Amino acid sequence: MGRLAGMGGRPEQAGQVLTGSAHDPHIRCRGPVELVMDILRHGAEVEVVGPEALRAEVTETLRRALAQYGA
């Protein structure tokens, strides 16, 4: 499971609220690609704080997206 800061609740999501605005969600998904897509749809409203492999995958996906726009 990943730890996200700033992600609100959804009906298919369970989990616990951590300190501040952090939320430790339990999200049903079909695989890692779906999980990354779900995280990315929240844009700048969320931050993956763990596990590091998930954070790295989201970071790399965002870098590739920015490169398409010349950023």
N, C-alpha and C. Protein backbone atom coordinates (compact mmCIF):
# COMPACT_ATOMS: atom_id res chain seq x y z
N MET A 1 0.83 -1.18 0.00
CA MET A 1 0.00 0.00 0.00
C MET A 1 0.87 1.24 0.00
N GLY A 2 0.37 2.27 -0.61
CA GLY A 2 1.08 3.54 -0.64
C GLY A 2 0.55 4.49 0.41
N ARG A 3 1.36 5.44 0.79
CA ARG A 3 0.92 6.51 1.69
C ARG A 3 0.88 7.79 0.89
N LEU A 4 -0.28 8.44 0.90
CA LEU A 4 -0.49 9.65 0.12
C LEU A 4 -0.84 10.80 1.04
N ALA A 5 -0.32 11.96 0.75
CA ALA A 5 -0.71 13.15 1.49
C ALA A 5 -1.74 13.91 0.66
N GLY A 6 -2.84 14.29 1.27
CA GLY A 6 -3.82 15.15 0.63
C GLY A 6 -4.92 14.45 -0.14
N MET A 7 -5.01 13.15 -0.11
CA MET A 7 -6.01 12.44 -0.90
C MET A 7 -7.27 12.22 -0.06
N GLY A 8 -8.40 12.67 -0.56
CA GLY A 8 -9.66 12.51 0.14
C GLY A 8 -10.21 11.10 -0.01
N GLY A 9 -11.26 10.80 0.74
CA GLY A 9 -11.84 9.48 0.71
C GLY A 9 -12.72 9.24 -0.50
N ARG A 10 -12.86 7.98 -0.87
CA ARG A 10 -13.75 7.55 -1.94
C ARG A 10 -14.48 6.33 -1.44
N PRO A 11 -15.65 6.04 -2.00
CA PRO A 11 -16.41 4.88 -1.52
C PRO A 11 -15.65 3.56 -1.58
N GLU A 12 -14.83 3.35 -2.61
CA GLU A 12 -14.12 2.08 -2.74
C GLU A 12 -12.78 2.09 -2.01
N GLN A 13 -12.55 3.13 -1.23
CA GLN A 13 -11.28 3.30 -0.55
C GLN A 13 -11.48 3.27 0.95
N ALA A 14 -10.67 2.51 1.62
CA ALA A 14 -10.65 2.50 3.08
C ALA A 14 -9.27 2.93 3.50
N GLY A 15 -9.07 3.12 4.76
CA GLY A 15 -7.75 3.49 5.23
C GLY A 15 -7.86 4.29 6.50
N GLN A 16 -6.80 5.02 6.82
CA GLN A 16 -6.82 5.82 8.02
C GLN A 16 -6.20 7.17 7.75
N VAL A 17 -6.64 8.17 8.50
CA VAL A 17 -6.08 9.51 8.39
C VAL A 17 -4.84 9.55 9.25
N LEU A 18 -3.78 10.08 8.70
CA LEU A 18 -2.52 10.21 9.43
C LEU A 18 -2.41 11.65 9.92
N THR A 19 -1.27 12.06 10.38
CA THR A 19 -1.11 13.42 10.86
C THR A 19 -1.28 14.43 9.74
N GLY A 20 -1.81 15.59 10.07
CA GLY A 20 -2.03 16.64 9.07
C GLY A 20 -3.06 16.21 8.06
N SER A 21 -2.73 16.39 6.78
CA SER A 21 -3.67 16.03 5.71
C SER A 21 -3.32 14.68 5.09
N ALA A 22 -2.39 13.95 5.69
CA ALA A 22 -1.98 12.67 5.12
C ALA A 22 -3.05 11.61 5.35
N HIS A 23 -3.15 10.71 4.40
CA HIS A 23 -4.12 9.62 4.48
C HIS A 23 -3.42 8.35 4.02
N ASP A 24 -3.60 7.28 4.75
CA ASP A 24 -3.01 5.99 4.40
C ASP A 24 -4.12 5.15 3.78
N PRO A 25 -4.27 5.21 2.45
CA PRO A 25 -5.43 4.56 1.82
C PRO A 25 -5.21 3.08 1.56
N HIS A 26 -6.31 2.38 1.45
CA HIS A 26 -6.34 1.00 1.00
C HIS A 26 -7.24 1.02 -0.22
N ILE A 27 -6.65 1.02 -1.41
CA ILE A 27 -7.37 1.20 -2.65
C ILE A 27 -7.36 -0.10 -3.43
N ARG A 28 -8.54 -0.51 -3.90
CA ARG A 28 -8.60 -1.69 -4.76
C ARG A 28 -8.23 -1.25 -6.17
N CYS A 29 -7.26 -1.95 -6.75
CA CYS A 29 -6.88 -1.66 -8.13
C CYS A 29 -6.41 -2.96 -8.77
N ARG A 30 -6.34 -2.94 -10.08
CA ARG A 30 -5.99 -4.16 -10.82
C ARG A 30 -4.49 -4.37 -10.94
N GLY A 31 -3.71 -3.37 -10.64
CA GLY A 31 -2.27 -3.51 -10.74
C GLY A 31 -1.58 -2.18 -10.57
N PRO A 32 -0.25 -2.19 -10.66
CA PRO A 32 0.52 -0.97 -10.41
C PRO A 32 0.23 0.15 -11.40
N VAL A 33 -0.04 -0.17 -12.65
CA VAL A 33 -0.34 0.87 -13.64
C VAL A 33 -1.62 1.60 -13.25
N GLU A 34 -2.64 0.84 -12.87
CA GLU A 34 -3.90 1.46 -12.45
C GLU A 34 -3.70 2.31 -11.21
N LEU A 35 -2.89 1.86 -10.27
CA LEU A 35 -2.63 2.63 -9.06
C LEU A 35 -1.95 3.95 -9.38
N VAL A 36 -0.93 3.93 -10.23
CA VAL A 36 -0.25 5.16 -10.63
C VAL A 36 -1.22 6.10 -11.33
N MET A 37 -2.05 5.58 -12.23
CA MET A 37 -3.03 6.42 -12.92
C MET A 37 -4.01 7.05 -11.93
N ASP A 38 -4.42 6.28 -10.94
CA ASP A 38 -5.35 6.79 -9.93
C ASP A 38 -4.70 7.92 -9.14
N ILE A 39 -3.44 7.76 -8.79
CA ILE A 39 -2.72 8.80 -8.06
C ILE A 39 -2.58 10.05 -8.93
N LEU A 40 -2.18 9.86 -10.20
CA LEU A 40 -1.93 11.00 -11.08
C LEU A 40 -3.18 11.81 -11.38
N ARG A 41 -4.35 11.19 -11.33
CA ARG A 41 -5.57 11.95 -11.63
C ARG A 41 -5.86 13.00 -10.58
N HIS A 42 -5.19 12.91 -9.43
CA HIS A 42 -5.36 13.91 -8.38
C HIS A 42 -4.37 15.06 -8.52
N GLY A 43 -3.46 14.97 -9.49
CA GLY A 43 -2.53 16.04 -9.79
C GLY A 43 -1.72 16.50 -8.59
N ALA A 44 -1.63 17.81 -8.44
CA ALA A 44 -0.82 18.41 -7.38
C ALA A 44 -1.48 18.32 -6.01
N GLU A 45 -2.65 17.74 -5.94
CA GLU A 45 -3.37 17.63 -4.67
C GLU A 45 -2.86 16.50 -3.79
N VAL A 46 -2.02 15.61 -4.34
CA VAL A 46 -1.51 14.49 -3.56
C VAL A 46 0.00 14.39 -3.69
N GLU A 47 0.59 13.73 -2.71
CA GLU A 47 2.01 13.39 -2.74
C GLU A 47 2.15 11.97 -2.23
N VAL A 48 2.84 11.14 -2.97
CA VAL A 48 3.13 9.78 -2.51
C VAL A 48 4.32 9.90 -1.56
N VAL A 49 4.14 9.46 -0.33
CA VAL A 49 5.22 9.53 0.65
C VAL A 49 5.83 8.16 0.93
N GLY A 50 5.27 7.13 0.33
CA GLY A 50 5.82 5.79 0.47
C GLY A 50 4.89 4.78 -0.15
N PRO A 51 5.36 3.64 -0.50
CA PRO A 51 6.75 3.21 -0.49
C PRO A 51 7.56 3.93 -1.57
N GLU A 52 8.85 3.91 -1.41
CA GLU A 52 9.74 4.66 -2.31
C GLU A 52 9.60 4.22 -3.77
N ALA A 53 9.38 2.94 -4.03
CA ALA A 53 9.24 2.46 -5.41
C ALA A 53 8.01 3.09 -6.08
N LEU A 54 6.92 3.22 -5.35
CA LEU A 54 5.72 3.85 -5.90
C LEU A 54 5.96 5.34 -6.13
N ARG A 55 6.61 5.99 -5.18
CA ARG A 55 6.93 7.42 -5.32
C ARG A 55 7.82 7.63 -6.56
N ALA A 56 8.81 6.75 -6.74
CA ALA A 56 9.71 6.88 -7.89
C ALA A 56 8.96 6.69 -9.21
N GLU A 57 8.03 5.74 -9.26
CA GLU A 57 7.25 5.50 -10.48
C GLU A 57 6.38 6.71 -10.81
N VAL A 58 5.73 7.28 -9.82
CA VAL A 58 4.89 8.47 -10.04
C VAL A 58 5.77 9.64 -10.49
N THR A 59 6.92 9.81 -9.85
CA THR A 59 7.85 10.89 -10.22
C THR A 59 8.31 10.75 -11.66
N GLU A 60 8.69 9.54 -12.06
CA GLU A 60 9.17 9.32 -13.43
C GLU A 60 8.06 9.55 -14.45
N THR A 61 6.86 9.14 -14.14
CA THR A 61 5.73 9.35 -15.04
C THR A 61 5.47 10.85 -15.22
N LEU A 62 5.55 11.60 -14.14
CA LEU A 62 5.35 13.06 -14.22
C LEU A 62 6.48 13.72 -15.01
N ARG A 63 7.71 13.24 -14.85
CA ARG A 63 8.84 13.79 -15.62
C ARG A 63 8.64 13.57 -17.13
N ARG A 64 8.17 12.36 -17.49
CA ARG A 64 7.92 12.07 -18.91
C ARG A 64 6.81 12.96 -19.45
N ALA A 65 5.79 13.18 -18.66
CA ALA A 65 4.69 14.05 -19.08
C ALA A 65 5.16 15.49 -19.29
N LEU A 66 5.96 16.01 -18.36
CA LEU A 66 6.48 17.35 -18.49
C LEU A 66 7.37 17.49 -19.73
N ALA A 67 8.16 16.46 -20.02
CA ALA A 67 9.05 16.50 -21.18
C ALA A 67 8.26 16.65 -22.48
N GLN A 68 7.06 16.11 -22.53
CA GLN A 68 6.23 16.25 -23.73
C GLN A 68 5.83 17.69 -23.98
N TYR A 69 5.85 18.51 -22.92
CA TYR A 69 5.46 19.92 -23.03
C TYR A 69 6.67 20.83 -23.02
N GLY A 70 7.86 20.26 -23.15
CA GLY A 70 9.07 21.04 -23.22
C GLY A 70 9.50 21.64 -21.89
N ALA A 71 8.99 21.10 -20.78
CA ALA A 71 9.34 21.62 -19.47
C ALA A 71 10.50 20.84 -18.87
